[in-house]
Amino acid sequence: MLAVGLVSMTMWQDKVNSSLLGLSAILLAMNVRQLYQDKTVRGVSLWPVVLYDVWGIWDLYYFPSLNQWFSMCASFIACCINTVWLALAIYYTYFKRAAQ
């Protein structure tokens, strides 16, 4: 009986966590769209984004170890979108300038 209670208890935390990660993925996608339109990065350090990307990659190992599969899926999506933003930011910061 205790194990069943723990599973149901874990499920609601997983759903809340995955909902927050899903919301962050939507907001990150908005940042990707804006960066693609602006094609410039100003006033932003890339290092925090690198940290959050590494953290997202860690979550892909961590959430399955907790049997939090919804969070793992949402984290995968958020991590992919964050990686796209980071790649665009690196391109527009370092490579686009060199080409001009």
C-alpha atoms as a PDB file:
ATOM      1  CA  MET A   1       0.000   0.000   0.000  1.00  0.00           C
ATOM      2  CA  LEU A   2       2.832   2.383   0.808  1.00  0.00           C
ATOM      3  CA  ALA A   3       4.435   1.892  -2.618  1.00  0.00           C
ATOM      4  CA  VAL A   4       1.154   2.718  -4.355  1.00  0.00           C
ATOM      5  CA  GLY A   5       0.901   5.927  -2.303  1.00  0.00           C
ATOM      6  CA  LEU A   6       4.450   6.899  -3.239  1.00  0.00           C
ATOM      7  CA  VAL A   7       3.788   6.336  -6.937  1.00  0.00           C
ATOM      8  CA  SER A   8       0.676   8.510  -6.938  1.00  0.00           C
ATOM      9  CA  MET A   9       2.489  11.133  -4.870  1.00  0.00           C
ATOM     10  CA  THR A  10       5.356  11.204  -7.344  1.00  0.00           C
ATOM     11  CA  MET A  11       3.007  11.494 -10.314  1.00  0.00           C
ATOM     12  CA  TRP A  12       1.573  14.879  -9.366  1.00  0.00           C
ATOM     13  CA  GLN A  13       5.060  16.329  -8.768  1.00  0.00           C
ATOM     14  CA  ASP A  14       6.149  14.988 -12.143  1.00  0.00           C
ATOM     15  CA  LYS A  15       3.141  16.574 -13.828  1.00  0.00           C
ATOM     16  CA  VAL A  16       3.686  19.949 -12.156  1.00  0.00           C
ATOM     17  CA  ASN A  17       7.404  19.878 -12.954  1.00  0.00           C
ATOM     18  CA  SER A  18       6.808  18.852 -16.561  1.00  0.00           C
ATOM     19  CA  SER A  19       4.198  21.601 -16.943  1.00  0.00           C
ATOM     20  CA  LEU A  20       6.713  24.195 -15.777  1.00  0.00           C
ATOM     21  CA  LEU A  21       9.344  22.755 -18.108  1.00  0.00           C
ATOM     22  CA  GLY A  22       6.831  22.794 -20.947  1.00  0.00           C
ATOM     23  CA  LEU A  23       6.060  26.449 -20.247  1.00  0.00           C
ATOM     24  CA  SER A  24       9.780  27.215 -20.232  1.00  0.00           C
ATOM     25  CA  ALA A  25      10.103  25.440 -23.608  1.00  0.00           C
ATOM     26  CA  ILE A  26       7.407  27.723 -25.043  1.00  0.00           C
ATOM     27  CA  LEU A  27       9.157  30.819 -23.684  1.00  0.00           C
ATOM     28  CA  LEU A  28      12.507  29.573 -25.008  1.00  0.00           C
ATOM     29  CA  ALA A  29      10.931  29.053 -28.424  1.00  0.00           C
ATOM     30  CA  MET A  30       9.780  32.670 -28.332  1.00  0.00           C
ATOM     31  CA  ASN A  31      13.403  33.681 -27.640  1.00  0.00           C
ATOM     32  CA  VAL A  32      14.613  31.566 -30.573  1.00  0.00           C
ATOM     33  CA  ARG A  33      12.092  33.214 -32.883  1.00  0.00           C
ATOM     34  CA  GLN A  34      13.090  36.702 -31.714  1.00  0.00           C
ATOM     35  CA  LEU A  35      16.811  35.995 -32.040  1.00  0.00           C
ATOM     36  CA  TYR A  36      16.279  34.619 -35.536  1.00  0.00           C
ATOM     37  CA  GLN A  37      14.403  37.789 -36.520  1.00  0.00           C
ATOM     38  CA  ASP A  38      16.885  40.205 -34.903  1.00  0.00           C
ATOM     39  CA  LYS A  39      20.007  38.293 -35.943  1.00  0.00           C
ATOM     40  CA  THR A  40      21.984  39.997 -33.194  1.00  0.00           C
ATOM     41  CA  VAL A  41      22.820  39.336 -29.554  1.00  0.00           C
ATOM     42  CA  ARG A  42      23.389  42.302 -27.239  1.00  0.00           C
ATOM     43  CA  GLY A  43      23.700  42.560 -23.495  1.00  0.00           C
ATOM     44  CA  VAL A  44      23.535  38.813 -22.916  1.00  0.00           C
ATOM     45  CA  SER A  45      26.286  36.561 -21.642  1.00  0.00           C
ATOM     46  CA  LEU A  46      26.220  33.128 -23.239  1.00  0.00           C
ATOM     47  CA  TRP A  47      27.634  31.415 -20.137  1.00  0.00           C
ATOM     48  CA  PRO A  48      24.336  31.199 -18.188  1.00  0.00           C
ATOM     49  CA  VAL A  49      22.720  29.661 -21.274  1.00  0.00           C
ATOM     50  CA  VAL A  50      25.545  27.118 -21.460  1.00  0.00           C
ATOM     51  CA  LEU A  51      24.949  26.261 -17.789  1.00  0.00           C
ATOM     52  CA  TYR A  52      21.205  25.770 -18.349  1.00  0.00           C
ATOM     53  CA  ASP A  53      21.954  23.615 -21.382  1.00  0.00           C
ATOM     54  CA  VAL A  54      24.306  21.403 -19.369  1.00  0.00           C
ATOM     55  CA  TRP A  55      21.686  21.268 -16.624  1.00  0.00           C
ATOM     56  CA  GLY A  56      19.074  20.194 -19.196  1.00  0.00           C
ATOM     57  CA  ILE A  57      21.359  17.428 -20.429  1.00  0.00           C
ATOM     58  CA  TRP A  58      21.856  16.291 -16.822  1.00  0.00           C
ATOM     59  CA  ASP A  59      18.062  16.233 -16.377  1.00  0.00           C
ATOM     60  CA  LEU A  60      17.813  13.723 -19.237  1.00  0.00           C
ATOM     61  CA  TYR A  61      19.678  11.290 -16.989  1.00  0.00           C
ATOM     62  CA  TYR A  62      18.248  12.456 -13.669  1.00  0.00           C
ATOM     63  CA  PHE A  63      14.498  12.409 -14.327  1.00  0.00           C
ATOM     64  CA  PRO A  64      14.364   8.809 -15.586  1.00  0.00           C
ATOM     65  CA  SER A  65      16.269   7.733 -12.466  1.00  0.00           C
ATOM     66  CA  LEU A  66      13.340   9.159 -10.482  1.00  0.00           C
ATOM     67  CA  ASN A  67      10.778   7.608 -12.850  1.00  0.00           C
ATOM     68  CA  GLN A  68       9.654  11.098 -13.818  1.00  0.00           C
ATOM     69  CA  TRP A  69       9.007  10.466 -17.482  1.00  0.00           C
ATOM     70  CA  PHE A  70       6.810  13.497 -18.144  1.00  0.00           C
ATOM     71  CA  SER A  71       9.559  15.746 -16.791  1.00  0.00           C
ATOM     72  CA  MET A  72      12.152  13.926 -18.860  1.00  0.00           C
ATOM     73  CA  CYS A  73      10.172  14.488 -22.072  1.00  0.00           C
ATOM     74  CA  ALA A  74       9.532  18.153 -21.295  1.00  0.00           C
ATOM     75  CA  SER A  75      13.179  18.620 -20.324  1.00  0.00           C
ATOM     76  CA  PHE A  76      14.275  17.072 -23.614  1.00  0.00           C
ATOM     77  CA  ILE A  77      12.143  19.546 -25.565  1.00  0.00           C
ATOM     78  CA  ALA A  78      13.321  22.530 -23.497  1.00  0.00           C
ATOM     79  CA  CYS A  79      16.952  21.418 -23.795  1.00  0.00           C
ATOM     80  CA  CYS A  80      16.696  21.078 -27.576  1.00  0.00           C
ATOM     81  CA  ILE A  81      15.151  24.532 -27.934  1.00  0.00           C
ATOM     82  CA  ASN A  82      17.758  26.024 -25.583  1.00  0.00           C
ATOM     83  CA  THR A  83      20.508  24.414 -27.673  1.00  0.00           C
ATOM     84  CA  VAL A  84      19.058  25.978 -30.832  1.00  0.00           C
ATOM     85  CA  TRP A  85      19.074  29.395 -29.147  1.00  0.00           C
ATOM     86  CA  LEU A  86      22.665  28.886 -28.009  1.00  0.00           C
ATOM     87  CA  ALA A  87      23.770  27.800 -31.489  1.00  0.00           C
ATOM     88  CA  LEU A  88      22.096  30.844 -33.075  1.00  0.00           C
ATOM     89  CA  ALA A  89      23.600  33.161 -30.456  1.00  0.00           C
ATOM     90  CA  ILE A  90      27.089  31.767 -31.044  1.00  0.00           C
ATOM     91  CA  TYR A  91      26.634  32.064 -34.791  1.00  0.00           C
ATOM     92  CA  TYR A  92      25.362  35.658 -34.692  1.00  0.00           C
ATOM     93  CA  THR A  93      27.950  36.688 -32.078  1.00  0.00           C
ATOM     94  CA  TYR A  94      31.098  35.139 -33.513  1.00  0.00           C
ATOM     95  CA  PHE A  95      30.633  33.909 -37.080  1.00  0.00           C
ATOM     96  CA  LYS A  96      28.253  36.478 -38.547  1.00  0.00           C
ATOM     97  CA  ARG A  97      30.552  39.316 -37.445  1.00  0.00           C
ATOM     98  CA  ALA A  98      33.584  37.615 -38.982  1.00  0.00           C
ATOM     99  CA  ALA A  99      31.779  37.318 -42.322  1.00  0.00           C
ATOM    100  CA  GLN A 100      30.958  41.040 -42.438  1.00  0.00           C
END
